[in-house]
């Protein structure tokens, strides 16, 4: 197994179980605990692995309204608008995009009143020219990660 494939196998193993011990990872990948530890440190130092966090089901915590918010923004204000959106704790994703809109944000809310209040607050920003909001009816797939392909 190449070092690059070892790193990919290690990432894949952690995607399957982010709480796996160094020992179990070493056994599963047939390498020493020291090798696993060194490779994990390298992956963390390179920013490939950015922490170990739980997968939270926000719906079960009452945040069952998901909104997709599309914004048209004055050109030079794009960085400030995206930064403002990132600071809203209920915005789980913020993207600068190409196409008809400049920004797409995904937010989680406990009810439509909370969603409406947040959107109205956003629209007080004079740099936002237009908005379009869609409420998600059913999340067919959400927050999915994928296993990395191994190099030959």
Protein backbone atom coordinates (compact mmCIF):
# COMPACT_ATOMS: atom_id res chain seq x y z
CA UNK A 1 0.00 0.00 0.00
CA UNK A 2 1.38 3.42 -0.93
CA UNK A 3 1.56 6.21 1.63
CA UNK A 4 -1.02 8.15 -0.37
CA UNK A 5 -3.37 5.16 -0.30
CA UNK A 6 -2.70 4.72 3.42
CA UNK A 7 -3.80 8.30 3.99
CA UNK A 8 -6.94 7.71 1.93
CA UNK A 9 -7.67 4.43 3.73
CA UNK A 10 -7.19 6.22 7.04
CA UNK A 11 -9.62 8.99 6.03
CA UNK A 12 -12.14 6.39 4.84
CA UNK A 13 -11.82 4.46 8.12
CA UNK A 14 -12.43 7.64 10.11
CA UNK A 15 -15.43 8.51 7.96
CA UNK A 16 -16.84 5.14 9.00
CA UNK A 17 -16.00 5.62 12.68
CA UNK A 18 -14.61 8.99 13.77
CA UNK A 19 -14.08 7.63 17.28
CA UNK A 20 -11.89 4.69 16.26
CA UNK A 21 -8.77 4.23 18.37
CA UNK A 22 -5.28 4.39 16.91
CA UNK A 23 -4.89 0.71 17.77
CA UNK A 24 -8.06 -0.37 15.94
CA UNK A 25 -7.16 1.78 12.94
CA UNK A 26 -3.70 0.19 12.84
CA UNK A 27 -5.18 -3.30 13.03
CA UNK A 28 -7.76 -2.55 10.32
CA UNK A 29 -5.13 -1.04 8.00
CA UNK A 30 -2.40 -3.54 8.93
CA UNK A 31 0.09 -0.88 10.06
CA UNK A 32 1.57 0.09 13.41
CA UNK A 33 -0.06 2.48 15.85
CA UNK A 34 2.93 4.80 15.37
CA UNK A 35 2.37 4.86 11.61
CA UNK A 36 -1.33 5.67 12.11
CA UNK A 37 -0.45 8.40 14.61
CA UNK A 38 2.16 9.96 12.31
CA UNK A 39 -0.13 9.92 9.29
CA UNK A 40 -3.03 11.36 11.30
CA UNK A 41 -0.79 14.16 12.54
CA UNK A 42 0.27 14.92 8.97
CA UNK A 43 -3.35 14.92 7.73
CA UNK A 44 -4.30 17.30 10.55
CA UNK A 45 -1.27 19.57 9.93
CA UNK A 46 -2.12 19.74 6.21
CA UNK A 47 -5.72 20.68 7.02
CA UNK A 48 -7.16 17.57 5.37
CA UNK A 49 -8.69 16.47 8.67
CA UNK A 50 -10.17 19.48 10.43
CA UNK A 51 -11.44 17.98 13.64
CA UNK A 52 -13.62 15.22 14.94
CA UNK A 53 -17.20 16.27 15.48
CA UNK A 54 -20.47 14.43 16.00
CA UNK A 55 -23.11 14.20 13.29
CA UNK A 56 -26.10 16.04 14.77
CA UNK A 57 -29.65 15.36 13.62
CA UNK A 58 -31.02 18.90 13.90
CA UNK A 59 -34.53 17.73 13.01
CA UNK A 60 -34.64 15.66 16.21
CA UNK A 61 -33.65 18.78 18.16
CA UNK A 62 -36.56 20.76 16.72
CA UNK A 63 -34.72 22.47 13.84
CA UNK A 64 -36.93 20.84 11.24
CA UNK A 65 -37.39 23.78 8.87
CA UNK A 66 -34.61 23.95 6.29
CA UNK A 67 -34.44 26.98 3.99
CA UNK A 68 -32.37 27.51 0.86
CA UNK A 69 -31.78 31.25 0.54
CA UNK A 70 -30.51 32.71 -2.74
CA UNK A 71 -29.24 36.29 -2.78
CA UNK A 72 -28.21 38.79 -5.42
CA UNK A 73 -25.58 41.07 -3.94
CA UNK A 74 -23.85 44.29 -5.00
CA UNK A 75 -20.52 43.11 -6.49
CA UNK A 76 -18.02 44.69 -4.10
CA UNK A 77 -20.15 43.76 -1.07
CA UNK A 78 -20.05 40.03 -1.66
CA UNK A 79 -17.32 39.28 0.94
CA UNK A 80 -19.10 41.33 3.62
CA UNK A 81 -22.47 39.68 2.95
CA UNK A 82 -21.04 36.16 3.03
CA UNK A 83 -19.14 36.95 6.22
CA UNK A 84 -22.34 38.25 7.80
CA UNK A 85 -24.19 35.08 6.83
CA UNK A 86 -21.41 32.90 8.27
CA UNK A 87 -21.91 34.62 11.63
CA UNK A 88 -25.58 33.58 11.81
CA UNK A 89 -25.43 30.39 13.87
CA UNK A 90 -28.36 28.77 12.07
CA UNK A 91 -26.78 29.13 8.63
CA UNK A 92 -25.14 25.76 8.21
CA UNK A 93 -23.72 26.39 4.71
CA UNK A 94 -22.89 29.56 2.79
CA UNK A 95 -21.69 29.48 -0.82
CA UNK A 96 -20.57 32.13 -3.31
CA UNK A 97 -21.87 30.83 -6.64
CA UNK A 98 -22.12 31.50 -10.34
CA UNK A 99 -25.47 31.88 -12.10
CA UNK A 100 -28.48 34.07 -11.46
CA UNK A 101 -27.65 34.56 -7.77
CA UNK A 102 -24.40 35.41 -6.04
CA UNK A 103 -24.88 33.62 -2.72
CA UNK A 104 -26.71 30.50 -1.63
CA UNK A 105 -27.15 29.88 2.08
CA UNK A 106 -28.73 26.93 3.85
CA UNK A 107 -30.35 27.58 7.21
CA UNK A 108 -32.01 25.41 9.87
CA UNK A 109 -34.90 26.83 11.90
CA UNK A 110 -37.34 25.64 14.54
CA UNK A 111 -40.32 27.16 12.75
CA UNK A 112 -41.26 29.35 9.81
CA UNK A 113 -41.62 32.40 12.08
CA UNK A 114 -37.95 32.13 13.05
CA UNK A 115 -36.99 31.62 9.44
CA UNK A 116 -39.06 34.63 8.35
CA UNK A 117 -37.51 36.85 11.04
CA UNK A 118 -33.98 35.86 9.98
CA UNK A 119 -34.71 36.51 6.30
CA UNK A 120 -36.27 39.89 7.07
CA UNK A 121 -33.18 40.80 9.08
CA UNK A 122 -30.97 39.82 6.13
CA UNK A 123 -33.01 41.94 3.75
CA UNK A 124 -32.33 45.11 5.76
CA UNK A 125 -28.83 44.99 4.27
CA UNK A 126 -28.85 47.54 1.41
CA UNK A 127 -26.23 45.49 -0.46
CA UNK A 128 -28.70 42.64 -0.97
CA UNK A 129 -30.60 43.49 -4.15
CA UNK A 130 -32.85 40.45 -4.41
CA UNK A 131 -33.64 37.22 -2.60
CA UNK A 132 -35.40 33.96 -3.26
CA UNK A 133 -36.14 31.47 -0.49
CA UNK A 134 -37.18 27.85 -0.86
CA UNK A 135 -38.32 25.70 2.05
CA UNK A 136 -37.15 22.09 1.87
CA UNK A 137 -40.06 19.65 1.92
CA UNK A 138 -37.96 16.49 2.18
CA UNK A 139 -34.20 16.08 2.58
CA UNK A 140 -33.46 13.04 0.41
CA UNK A 141 -29.77 13.30 1.37
CA UNK A 142 -28.07 15.70 3.76
CA UNK A 143 -24.53 16.14 5.14
CA UNK A 144 -23.25 13.06 3.37
CA UNK A 145 -19.56 12.40 3.03
CA UNK A 146 -18.00 9.94 0.61
CA UNK A 147 -15.15 7.47 0.71
CA UNK A 148 -12.04 8.47 -1.20
CA UNK A 149 -10.95 6.43 -4.21
CA UNK A 150 -7.63 4.65 -3.84
CA UNK A 151 -4.81 5.37 -6.31
CA UNK A 152 -3.55 2.51 -8.41
